[in-house]
Structure formats: structure tokens, C-alpha cells
Amino acid sequence: MSLGLTPATATAASAVTGAVIGLPDFADLVDRVGPAVVNIRTTERPKQIQRGQGVPGDEEMQEFLRRFFGGNVPSPNGRTPRRQTPSDEPVNRGVGSGFILSADGYVMTNAHVVDGADEVFVTLTDKREFKAKVLGADARTDVAVLKIDDDKLPFLTLGDSDKIRAGEWVIAIGSPFNLENTVTAGIISAKARDTGEYLPLIQSDVAVNPGNSGGPLINMRGEVIGINSQIATLSGGSNGISFAVPINEAIRVSEQLKKTGKVARGRIGVQIGEVSKEVAETLGLKSAQGAEVSLVEPGGPADKAGVKAGDIILKFNGKAVNRSSDLPRLVGDTELNSKATVTVWRKGAELTLPVTVVELDNDKAAKGAKGKGGKAEPAEPAKANALGLKVEDLTADQKKELGVSGGVVVTDVDGVSESAGLDEGDVLLQLNNIEIKDAKQFNAAVAKLDPKKRSVLLVRRDDTTRFISLPATAK
């Protein structure tokens, strides 16, 4: 008995067959771009090694362990591996990849590939080896630029990482586990994955392993769109999630590294955090957007501009701050010593303030008062309110130390406030956008709260300030 195909089934079968036939052939592409991809080997001079300290070992595995696990990884017998090396003999410390930017010998790779190296060697596909000079490395973007002495080298064409599309075919070429000129292929999984680094990264499912670091991510036109930098893994091998530094950002960084050997970035002197959905709703924001200011550096640019702890930064120079990680990128790319604007959400309204951007290298750790000095003597024993809080007025010394005119200190916590993470010694500055003057006013305001609605407190703890959302008290 034969099984017939309906027209719809036949069409589907034809489509599947066509998709298989249409898979890309990367051979010509690899032939064209492969010669410009290089192997990078680094060495370091032996140092006095104390028993129990890690030392460079099998270079490709050590590079892997340093990059993806961090610290010293013990050998199977539970001891940190050691290598006996003559004092004048360089030690191989790592293997990575890179690619040639121009015929005159500029090479790009990851900063972590050359970090800590005393000597760097670049090997081409034709087996020529050059001793390279590190012109500069930037840890924040994980970009480094090297220079080798030749003026007739093959080089890669640069693409536009702003125009890439999820689902686009890409290849990676590098030296995983020191296997030179290994080619792997896949697609772009996401264009701008925020991994907590200084800039959003390109995510792909291209197989990337230790030694691929610094190699190019290349599109079907033979253009570099990224530098392979990191992997997400539970096993230590490729799990189909790799990340690359967008080439547009890498080139901006490389131009500064060529000129000065470092990257100058701007800052305004704030510490920030994410805005939760609960806090956004309580403060009247349309969505959980912006960057919550937890600390303002005394005397810094933001402080001089009038930015306060508890402000929600919505825009910088007119550009939206959708997530807190957007702000340092926007500020960092702003010309130093230039005037900018910062738009904040404060007490239910937007406020735009002028601010001067200064250099990040001169950044000072923002410091504030601890806010846990001597307690005021209450006129009568404090009673817990509907939020489960007992509070007392701040002393004059505490107010001076904190730089505030009002507020209360928590002496006991229970109920919804304890569940939300409040603790004894916390200083409460605002309740639902209303400034807290003293314990009497605060308890009166709590008594008027709608027990069916959430509340939000602006809380000072040690050196930082943040909003804490409290659930409704009605059961």
C-alpha cells in the first residue's frame, strides 16, 4: 500500500528539501579570510613561586581555566600544579587568536589574551612568526591592539556590527586548544546581549573554546563583525552560547589604543542600580526603566549638578536609559570635560540637570556617612506601626553626618518590612515620594496608607541609598 502526499504535504517536503540544498558552503569564504587570522602565543619570565601558588602550565588549558573559571584550579591529587623552570627560561603562559587589521601589521585580539604577558608572538598561517608589541589593552571592552613589523600582510575587511541581524550565518576562525585555523560556523543568536560587561555583546551559537579568544566573528561577506571573547558553559566546553565584542566598539577603542595606549572614558560620579517593577509602579513610572541612584560622590559632577540619592536617571544627553547598564556606556562615550544633561525622575516629575563629564581614570570611590551613629533618646518607647517598623528621630550629629535635614532610624523591624529586607540601623528618608521629617510624621503617614496598595521607602544603609518596595499589608 503506497502512501500518497497531499498538495500541502508535497509543498512542505519540497520546502524542506530546498532548505537542505540551500545550506551555505563556507569553503571559499574561509580560503579568502583565513590567511589574515593569526595564532597568538604569550610567555612570561619566571617569578619566585611559593608553594601552593598557581603557575602557568599547559598553555591552552591554563588560558581556559584563567578565563572561564578564574583563580587556581587544583590538579586531580588536590595540589596546585607546579613547574620547575630555569630562572632565565621564559614560560609559555597562554594561547589565543587574533586577526590582522591592516597590511602594515596592526593586529587585534582580546585584552585577556595578552594580560600579564612579558612577550607576545604572532604566527601566520604560512608559519611566519613575529614578536609583537602590545600598543595597548582595555580590560573594560576586552580589546587589545598589537603591532608586528611587516608591510605586506593579508588583512580582514571590517563590517558594521550595528547592522547585524539575529539568524544571520557567521563563522569563527581561531586556535581552540592550540589547533590553529580551526573554523566553526553558526548563526547570530542575539544582537546586543547584556552580560553585565561594559558593553552589550553579540551572542552566537558558533562553537568557541579556549584559544578562540581574540579571533574574528565573520559574516558571509567576509567582514569582521565581532571579536570572540567569552563563552557560557557548565561543562567547560562549548554549549552553543558564545559572546563577541561588537567590532564597531572595538574599532573605537583601538583608535585610542593606537594613539595613547589607553582608553579615556567619562564619569559623573554616581553609583546606580536597577529599577524594579514594584518600585517603578509605586513611584509613578510607566515602566521599570532608568538607573536608580544609590550614592552620589560628594563634590563630584553629579553632586554639583544637583543629582540626589534616590533619583531615577531616565535620560543622559537626551538618550534614554532603559537599563542601569546603559548609563555608564552613554557617559563613557561622551567627550571629556564637555557639558551634558541628565534627566531624573524625582517625586513624580522629570527634572533635567546640567552636568560636566570628567575622566573615569580619576574616579574616586564615592563615600558617604555610615549613618549608624548614636541614637536619639525617644520621649517615650517607640511602637511598631502598620509596616512592622519601630523608628526614632535622628540626632543632630547623625543628620550632619548623613547630610540630611530629616529622616528616621529603624530600631526594630517585623512583618512586611522584615520580609522586604529592612534591618535595624537603616535610615528612612522618604515614604512614597514624601520626605520623612521625624518619627511622629512618619508614623502618621504610615497610619494613612492604603493597606491594599504597595508602598516604597527610600532607605539609606551604610554608604548607599536605594528604594525598597513593601507589599500591601492587608491580608
Protein backbone atom coordinates (compact mmCIF):
# COMPACT_ATOMS: atom_id res chain seq x y z
CA MET A 1 0.00 0.00 0.00
CA SER A 2 1.52 3.29 -1.07
CA LEU A 3 1.26 6.46 0.97
CA GLY A 4 0.29 9.46 -1.14
CA LEU A 5 1.16 13.08 -0.41
CA THR A 6 -1.46 15.78 -0.40
CA PRO A 7 -0.51 19.01 -2.22
CA ALA A 8 0.18 20.76 1.07
CA THR A 9 2.41 17.92 2.27
CA ALA A 10 4.23 17.81 -1.02
CA THR A 11 4.88 21.54 -0.83
CA ALA A 12 6.23 21.22 2.71
CA ALA A 13 8.50 18.36 1.68
CA SER A 14 9.79 20.41 -1.22
CA ALA A 15 10.46 23.35 1.09
CA VAL A 16 12.43 21.16 3.50
CA THR A 17 14.47 19.70 0.63
CA GLY A 18 15.18 23.16 -0.69
CA ALA A 19 16.34 24.32 2.76
CA VAL A 20 18.81 21.45 2.96
CA ILE A 21 20.16 22.12 -0.53
CA GLY A 22 20.46 25.82 0.29
CA LEU A 23 22.77 25.46 3.30
CA PRO A 24 25.84 27.68 2.89
CA ASP A 25 29.23 26.42 1.78
CA PHE A 26 31.92 28.29 3.71
CA ALA A 27 34.93 26.92 1.82
CA ASP A 28 35.53 29.89 -0.50
CA LEU A 29 34.95 32.31 2.36
CA VAL A 30 37.50 30.54 4.55
CA ASP A 31 40.05 30.48 1.73
CA ARG A 32 39.65 34.23 1.38
CA VAL A 33 39.78 35.32 5.02
CA GLY A 34 41.79 32.55 6.69
CA PRO A 35 45.28 33.92 5.95
CA ALA A 36 44.54 37.09 7.97
CA VAL A 37 43.68 35.15 11.16
CA VAL A 38 46.65 34.58 13.45
CA ASN A 39 47.70 32.46 16.39
CA ILE A 40 48.90 34.38 19.44
CA ARG A 41 51.31 32.82 21.90
CA THR A 42 52.39 34.56 25.09
CA THR A 43 55.22 33.96 27.53
CA GLU A 44 56.28 35.39 30.86
CA ARG A 45 59.50 35.48 32.82
CA PRO A 46 59.56 33.05 35.75
CA LYS A 47 58.96 34.65 39.11
CA GLN A 48 59.68 33.37 42.59
CA ILE A 49 56.95 30.79 43.12
CA GLN A 50 55.68 29.98 46.55
CA ARG A 51 54.37 26.51 47.28
CA GLY A 52 50.64 26.38 46.73
CA GLN A 53 50.56 29.21 44.18
CA GLY A 54 49.35 28.63 40.62
CA VAL A 55 51.84 28.75 37.77
CA PRO A 56 51.38 28.68 34.00
CA GLY A 57 51.02 25.14 32.75
CA ASP A 58 49.66 23.57 29.60
CA GLU A 59 49.04 26.84 27.89
CA GLU A 60 45.74 26.21 26.19
CA MET A 61 44.15 24.68 29.29
CA GLN A 62 45.60 27.31 31.62
CA GLU A 63 44.21 30.05 29.41
CA PHE A 64 40.86 28.31 29.64
CA LEU A 65 40.97 27.99 33.41
CA ARG A 66 42.01 31.58 33.94
CA ARG A 67 39.40 32.97 31.59
CA PHE A 68 36.37 30.89 32.38
CA PHE A 69 36.85 29.62 35.92
CA GLY A 70 39.25 32.14 37.43
CA GLY A 71 41.84 31.61 40.15
CA ASN A 72 43.91 28.48 40.71
CA VAL A 73 42.39 25.15 39.81
CA PRO A 74 43.84 22.15 41.68
CA SER A 75 45.13 19.06 39.92
CA PRO A 76 43.49 15.64 40.48
CA ASN A 77 45.69 14.98 43.51
CA GLY A 78 44.33 18.13 45.13
CA ARG A 79 47.56 20.15 44.78
CA THR A 80 48.11 23.16 42.61
CA PRO A 81 50.31 22.12 39.66
CA ARG A 82 53.87 23.41 39.66
CA ARG A 83 56.52 23.51 37.01
CA GLN A 84 60.25 23.60 37.63
CA THR A 85 61.74 26.04 35.15
CA PRO A 86 65.24 27.51 34.89
CA SER A 87 65.22 31.10 36.07
CA ASP A 88 66.25 32.50 32.67
CA GLU A 89 63.84 30.48 30.53
CA PRO A 90 60.52 32.10 29.51
CA VAL A 91 57.41 30.13 30.39
CA ASN A 92 54.58 29.62 27.92
CA ARG A 93 51.54 31.10 29.61
CA GLY A 94 48.70 31.16 27.09
CA VAL A 95 47.44 30.69 23.56
CA GLY A 96 44.83 32.79 21.81
CA SER A 97 43.81 34.11 18.46
CA GLY A 98 43.73 37.42 16.63
CA PHE A 99 43.35 38.96 13.21
CA ILE A 100 45.25 41.47 11.10
CA LEU A 101 43.64 44.88 10.74
CA SER A 102 45.89 46.34 8.06
CA ALA A 103 48.74 45.41 5.73
CA ASP A 104 51.23 47.36 7.87
CA GLY A 105 50.93 44.96 10.81
CA TYR A 106 48.24 46.10 13.24
CA VAL A 107 46.65 43.10 14.95
CA MET A 108 43.54 42.97 17.13
CA THR A 109 42.84 40.46 19.90
CA ASN A 110 41.32 40.28 23.39
CA ALA A 111 42.91 42.11 26.29
CA HIS A 112 42.77 38.97 28.43
CA VAL A 113 44.87 37.08 25.86
CA VAL A 114 47.89 39.34 26.44
CA ASP A 115 47.23 40.34 30.04
CA GLY A 116 50.32 39.71 32.18
CA ALA A 117 52.49 38.60 29.25
CA ASP A 118 56.13 39.60 29.02
CA GLU A 119 56.41 38.56 25.37
CA VAL A 120 53.79 38.10 22.65
CA PHE A 121 54.34 36.13 19.45
CA VAL A 122 52.08 36.22 16.39
CA THR A 123 52.12 33.27 13.97
CA LEU A 124 50.57 33.47 10.49
CA THR A 125 49.05 30.61 8.52
CA ASP A 126 52.23 30.44 6.39
CA LYS A 127 54.14 29.69 9.65
CA ARG A 128 55.94 33.02 9.80
CA GLU A 129 56.27 34.15 13.42
CA PHE A 130 56.67 37.72 14.63
CA LYS A 131 57.42 39.15 18.03
CA ALA A 132 54.62 41.63 18.66
CA LYS A 133 54.50 44.89 20.59
CA VAL A 134 51.38 45.45 22.70
CA LEU A 135 50.28 49.00 21.88
CA GLY A 136 47.52 48.95 24.45
CA ALA A 137 44.81 46.87 26.08
CA ASP A 138 41.44 47.85 27.51
CA ALA A 139 40.03 45.45 30.10
CA ARG A 140 36.54 47.01 30.12
CA THR A 141 35.87 46.08 26.49
CA ASP A 142 38.43 43.23 26.39
CA VAL A 143 40.18 44.71 23.34
CA ALA A 144 43.93 44.85 22.67
CA VAL A 145 45.97 46.11 19.71
CA LEU A 146 49.35 44.64 18.75
CA LYS A 147 51.94 45.70 16.15
CA ILE A 148 54.20 43.44 14.13
CA ASP A 149 56.90 44.54 11.68
CA ASP A 150 55.76 43.89 8.11
CA ASP A 151 54.00 45.98 5.49
CA LYS A 152 52.60 43.38 3.08
CA LEU A 153 50.33 41.33 5.28
CA PRO A 154 46.88 39.92 4.48
CA PHE A 155 44.15 41.71 6.42
CA LEU A 156 40.41 41.49 7.05
CA THR A 157 37.65 43.85 5.99
CA LEU A 158 35.61 45.33 8.83
CA GLY A 159 31.83 45.13 8.84
CA ASP A 160 29.16 47.13 10.68
CA SER A 161 28.07 45.41 13.89
CA ASP A 162 25.12 47.81 14.21
CA LYS A 163 23.54 46.26 11.11
CA ILE A 164 23.77 42.58 12.03
CA ARG A 165 20.59 40.50 12.32
CA ALA A 166 19.66 37.61 14.57
CA GLY A 167 19.65 34.44 12.49
CA GLU A 168 22.45 35.61 10.19
CA TRP A 169 25.13 33.00 9.35
CA VAL A 170 28.59 33.64 10.80
CA ILE A 171 31.87 31.77 11.19
CA ALA A 172 34.64 31.90 13.76
CA ILE A 173 38.29 31.16 13.00
CA GLY A 174 40.87 30.69 15.73
CA SER A 175 43.12 28.34 17.66
CA PRO A 176 40.97 26.41 20.14
CA PHE A 177 43.23 24.24 22.29
CA ASN A 178 46.09 25.44 20.05
CA LEU A 179 44.53 23.84 16.94
CA GLU A 180 45.44 26.62 14.53
CA ASN A 181 42.98 27.92 11.92
CA THR A 182 40.02 25.95 13.18
CA VAL A 183 36.77 27.02 11.51
CA THR A 184 33.38 26.77 13.19
CA ALA A 185 30.03 28.07 11.98
CA GLY A 186 26.63 29.04 13.32
CA ILE A 187 24.19 31.92 13.49
CA ILE A 188 23.82 35.13 15.46
CA SER A 189 21.57 34.32 18.41
CA ALA A 190 21.13 37.87 19.74
CA LYS A 191 22.44 41.25 18.65
CA ALA A 192 23.04 43.02 21.96
CA ARG A 193 23.15 40.67 24.92
CA ASP A 194 23.68 42.48 28.20
CA THR A 195 26.02 40.25 30.21
CA GLY A 196 26.94 42.84 32.80
CA GLU A 197 30.06 43.90 30.93
CA TYR A 198 30.81 47.47 29.87
CA LEU A 199 29.05 47.00 26.53
CA PRO A 200 26.37 44.66 25.12
CA LEU A 201 27.85 41.65 23.32
CA ILE A 202 26.92 39.68 20.21
CA GLN A 203 25.63 36.22 21.13
CA SER A 204 26.05 33.34 18.68
CA ASP A 205 25.87 29.56 18.70
CA VAL A 206 29.23 29.22 16.96
CA ALA A 207 31.43 26.69 18.76
CA VAL A 208 34.01 28.77 20.66
CA ASN A 209 36.51 27.13 23.01
CA PRO A 210 39.64 28.14 24.95
CA GLY A 211 42.13 29.51 22.41
CA ASN A 212 39.42 31.06 20.21
CA SER A 213 39.63 34.20 22.34
CA GLY A 214 40.58 37.21 20.22
CA GLY A 215 39.67 35.59 16.91
CA PRO A 216 37.20 37.14 14.47
CA LEU A 217 33.49 36.52 14.08
CA ILE A 218 32.91 36.87 10.34
CA ASN A 219 29.74 37.30 8.28
CA MET A 220 29.02 35.75 4.88
CA ARG A 221 30.53 38.78 3.11
CA GLY A 222 33.87 38.08 4.74
CA GLU A 223 33.61 41.06 7.10
CA VAL A 224 34.59 41.03 10.75
CA ILE A 225 31.59 41.90 12.92
CA GLY A 226 32.98 40.90 16.31
CA ILE A 227 35.86 39.58 18.40
CA ASN A 228 35.17 36.24 20.07
CA SER A 229 35.64 36.85 23.78
CA GLN A 230 33.61 34.69 26.15
CA ILE A 231 31.53 31.54 26.45
CA ALA A 232 28.73 30.46 28.76
CA THR A 233 29.40 26.91 29.91
CA LEU A 234 28.67 24.45 32.69
CA SER A 235 30.90 21.70 31.36
CA GLY A 236 33.99 23.69 30.40
CA GLY A 237 33.37 23.15 26.69
CA SER A 238 31.20 24.86 24.14
CA ASN A 239 27.50 24.74 24.93
CA GLY A 240 26.46 26.76 21.91
CA ILE A 241 26.46 30.11 23.70
CA SER A 242 29.38 32.37 22.88
CA PHE A 243 29.83 36.12 23.02
CA ALA A 244 31.76 38.54 20.82
CA VAL A 245 32.74 42.18 21.26
CA PRO A 246 30.96 44.23 18.54
CA ILE A 247 33.52 45.39 16.00
CA ASN A 248 32.22 48.98 15.91
CA GLU A 249 33.03 49.42 19.60
CA ALA A 250 36.32 47.54 19.22
CA ILE A 251 37.47 49.88 16.45
CA ARG A 252 36.62 52.98 18.51
CA VAL A 253 38.69 51.54 21.33
CA SER A 254 41.54 50.52 19.03
CA GLU A 255 41.95 54.04 17.68
CA GLN A 256 42.61 55.35 21.18
CA LEU A 257 44.91 52.44 21.98
CA LYS A 258 46.99 53.17 18.87
CA LYS A 259 47.35 56.84 19.81
CA THR A 260 47.79 56.77 23.57
CA GLY A 261 47.90 53.13 24.70
CA LYS A 262 44.82 53.60 26.89
CA VAL A 263 41.14 54.50 26.68
CA ALA A 264 39.81 57.64 28.33
CA ARG A 265 36.17 57.44 29.42
CA GLY A 266 33.81 59.81 31.12
CA ARG A 267 32.10 59.60 34.51
CA ILE A 268 29.71 61.74 36.52
CA GLY A 269 30.26 60.27 39.99
CA VAL A 270 27.24 58.13 40.86
CA GLN A 271 26.61 54.55 41.91
CA ILE A 272 23.49 53.08 40.38
CA GLY A 273 21.22 50.05 40.45
CA GLU A 274 18.29 48.57 38.56
CA VAL A 275 14.75 49.85 38.97
CA SER A 276 12.36 47.07 39.94
CA LYS A 277 8.82 46.82 38.58
CA GLU A 278 7.37 47.32 42.07
CA VAL A 279 9.42 50.47 42.71
CA ALA A 280 8.55 51.87 39.27
CA GLU A 281 4.84 51.40 39.82
CA THR A 282 4.92 52.98 43.27
CA LEU A 283 6.94 55.98 42.07
CA GLY A 284 4.59 56.57 39.14
CA LEU A 285 6.90 55.47 36.33
CA LYS A 286 5.27 53.93 33.26
CA SER A 287 7.71 51.01 33.28
CA ALA A 288 10.75 49.63 35.12
CA GLN A 289 13.25 51.82 33.32
CA GLY A 290 16.21 54.01 34.17
CA ALA A 291 19.01 53.80 36.71
CA GLU A 292 18.36 54.23 40.43
CA VAL A 293 20.97 56.45 42.08
CA SER A 294 22.15 54.74 45.24
CA LEU A 295 25.11 57.00 46.00
CA VAL A 296 26.37 60.38 44.83
CA GLU A 297 30.07 61.13 45.16
CA PRO A 298 30.46 64.21 47.39
CA GLY A 299 31.84 67.07 45.32
CA GLY A 300 31.61 65.04 42.10
CA PRO A 301 29.98 66.20 38.85
CA ALA A 302 26.56 64.73 39.68
CA ASP A 303 26.63 66.22 43.17
CA LYS A 304 27.44 69.65 41.77
CA ALA A 305 24.64 69.23 39.23
CA GLY A 306 22.10 68.55 41.98
CA VAL A 307 21.59 64.82 41.47
CA LYS A 308 20.44 63.14 44.68
CA ALA A 309 20.40 59.61 46.02
CA GLY A 310 17.00 58.14 45.21
CA ASP A 311 16.75 59.89 41.84
CA ILE A 312 15.92 57.68 38.86
CA ILE A 313 18.04 58.68 35.86
CA LEU A 314 15.83 58.36 32.76
CA LYS A 315 17.94 60.08 30.11
CA PHE A 316 21.53 61.17 29.53
CA ASN A 317 22.07 63.87 26.92
CA GLY A 318 18.57 63.17 25.67
CA LYS A 319 19.22 59.45 25.12
CA ALA A 320 17.01 57.02 27.01
CA VAL A 321 18.46 54.98 29.86
CA ASN A 322 16.36 51.84 29.62
CA ARG A 323 18.53 49.79 31.97
CA SER A 324 21.09 50.84 34.54
CA SER A 325 23.87 49.36 32.38
CA ASP A 326 23.05 51.89 29.63
CA LEU A 327 24.21 54.84 31.72
CA PRO A 328 27.96 54.07 32.09
CA ARG A 329 28.13 53.36 28.36
CA LEU A 330 26.48 56.64 27.44
CA VAL A 331 28.61 58.62 29.89
CA GLY A 332 31.76 56.73 28.94
CA ASP A 333 31.38 57.64 25.27
CA THR A 334 30.87 61.35 26.00
CA GLU A 335 33.71 63.79 25.33
CA LEU A 336 35.66 64.57 28.47
CA ASN A 337 35.05 67.92 30.18
CA SER A 338 32.00 68.51 28.00
CA LYS A 339 28.63 69.72 29.23
CA ALA A 340 25.79 67.20 29.20
CA THR A 341 22.30 66.85 30.62
CA VAL A 342 20.89 64.23 32.94
CA THR A 343 17.12 63.79 33.23
CA VAL A 344 15.94 62.36 36.55
CA TRP A 345 12.62 61.25 37.99
CA ARG A 346 12.12 62.84 41.39
CA LYS A 347 8.90 62.96 43.43
CA GLY A 348 6.68 62.11 40.49
CA ALA A 349 8.16 64.52 37.94
CA GLU A 350 11.02 64.78 35.47
CA LEU A 351 13.87 67.18 36.16
CA THR A 352 16.71 67.93 33.72
CA LEU A 353 20.06 68.97 35.21
CA PRO A 354 23.31 70.15 33.56
CA VAL A 355 26.37 68.04 34.37
CA THR A 356 30.05 68.09 33.39
CA VAL A 357 31.62 64.79 32.32
CA VAL A 358 35.10 64.13 33.75
CA GLU A 359 37.60 61.34 33.18
CA LEU A 360 36.90 57.91 34.61
CA ASP A 361 40.59 57.25 35.31
CA ASN A 362 40.44 59.88 38.02
CA ASP A 363 37.40 58.25 39.57
CA LYS A 364 37.21 58.35 43.32
CA ALA A 365 35.25 55.83 45.31
CA ALA A 366 32.08 57.59 46.32
CA LYS A 367 31.99 57.74 50.06
CA GLY A 368 29.24 58.72 52.41
CA ALA A 369 28.47 58.66 56.07
CA LYS A 370 27.64 55.34 57.64
CA GLY A 371 24.56 56.76 59.29
CA LYS A 372 24.75 54.48 62.31
CA GLY A 373 25.91 56.86 64.98
CA GLY A 374 24.40 57.33 68.42
CA LYS A 375 20.65 57.00 68.70
CA ALA A 376 18.35 59.71 69.92
CA GLU A 377 16.65 59.21 73.22
CA PRO A 378 12.93 58.93 72.46
CA ALA A 379 10.48 60.78 74.63
CA GLU A 380 8.51 57.54 75.02
CA PRO A 381 9.07 53.93 73.91
CA ALA A 382 8.63 53.53 70.15
CA LYS A 383 5.71 51.42 68.97
CA ALA A 384 5.61 49.31 65.84
CA ASN A 385 3.47 50.76 63.06
CA ALA A 386 1.43 49.02 60.34
CA LEU A 387 4.61 48.31 58.36
CA GLY A 388 6.15 46.50 61.32
CA LEU A 389 8.67 49.27 61.97
CA LYS A 390 9.79 50.97 65.15
CA VAL A 391 11.67 54.18 64.39
CA GLU A 392 13.34 57.04 66.21
CA ASP A 393 14.35 60.55 65.26
CA LEU A 394 17.88 61.09 64.01
CA THR A 395 20.18 63.04 66.29
CA ALA A 396 21.63 66.33 65.11
CA ASP A 397 25.03 64.63 64.75
CA GLN A 398 23.53 61.86 62.63
CA LYS A 399 21.82 64.37 60.34
CA LYS A 400 25.08 66.27 59.93
CA GLU A 401 27.00 63.07 59.24
CA LEU A 402 24.46 61.93 56.64
CA GLY A 403 23.99 65.37 55.13
CA VAL A 404 20.21 65.27 55.55
CA SER A 405 17.67 67.55 57.21
CA GLY A 406 15.22 64.83 58.24
CA GLY A 407 14.65 61.10 58.35
CA VAL A 408 14.30 58.39 60.97
CA VAL A 409 16.39 55.41 62.05
CA VAL A 410 14.89 51.92 62.35
CA THR A 411 15.23 50.43 65.84
CA ASP A 412 13.14 47.28 65.31
CA VAL A 413 11.66 45.56 62.28
CA ASP A 414 8.99 42.91 61.80
CA GLY A 415 6.24 41.83 59.40
CA VAL A 416 6.27 43.02 55.79
CA SER A 417 9.28 45.28 56.34
CA GLU A 418 11.41 42.42 57.62
CA SER A 419 10.33 40.27 54.67
CA ALA A 420 11.27 43.08 52.28
CA GLY A 421 14.82 43.21 53.68
CA LEU A 422 14.76 46.19 56.04
CA ASP A 423 17.03 45.99 59.07
CA GLU A 424 17.82 47.76 62.31
CA GLY A 425 20.01 50.80 61.74
CA ASP A 426 18.52 51.58 58.33
CA VAL A 427 17.75 55.27 57.85
CA LEU A 428 14.42 56.05 56.18
CA LEU A 429 14.39 59.22 54.06
CA GLN A 430 11.18 59.03 52.01
CA LEU A 431 7.85 57.20 52.04
CA ASN A 432 6.05 57.09 48.69
CA ASN A 433 7.97 60.12 47.41
CA ILE A 434 7.24 62.16 50.55
CA GLU A 435 10.23 63.26 52.61
CA ILE A 436 10.29 61.95 56.17
CA LYS A 437 10.87 64.67 58.74
CA ASP A 438 10.69 62.78 62.01
CA ALA A 439 9.21 59.70 63.71
CA LYS A 440 5.88 61.36 64.54
CA GLN A 441 5.27 62.45 60.93
CA PHE A 442 6.42 59.07 59.56
CA ASN A 443 4.12 57.04 61.82
CA ALA A 444 1.22 59.33 60.98
CA ALA A 445 1.86 58.82 57.26
CA VAL A 446 2.05 55.04 57.71
CA ALA A 447 -1.30 55.09 59.51
CA LYS A 448 -2.90 56.69 56.44
CA LEU A 449 -1.52 54.15 53.95
CA ASP A 450 -3.96 52.11 51.89
CA PRO A 451 -3.36 48.56 53.20
CA LYS A 452 -4.30 47.17 49.78
CA LYS A 453 -1.52 49.01 47.94
CA ARG A 454 2.25 48.63 47.90
CA SER A 455 4.50 51.27 49.42
CA VAL A 456 8.06 52.24 48.71
CA LEU A 457 10.71 53.53 51.13
CA LEU A 458 13.92 55.37 50.28
CA VAL A 459 16.43 53.71 52.58
CA ARG A 460 19.98 54.74 53.49
CA ARG A 461 22.15 51.81 54.56
CA ASP A 462 25.83 52.36 55.23
CA ASP A 463 27.12 54.30 52.21
CA THR A 464 24.31 53.61 49.76
CA THR A 465 20.71 54.65 49.24
CA ARG A 466 18.04 52.60 47.47
CA PHE A 467 14.31 52.15 47.17
CA ILE A 468 12.73 49.17 48.91
CA SER A 469 9.23 48.15 47.85
CA LEU A 470 6.90 46.89 50.57
CA PRO A 471 3.91 44.64 49.85
CA ALA A 472 0.38 45.55 50.82
CA THR A 473 -0.38 44.93 54.49
CA ALA A 474 -3.99 43.80 54.03
CA LYS A 475 -4.41 40.02 54.04
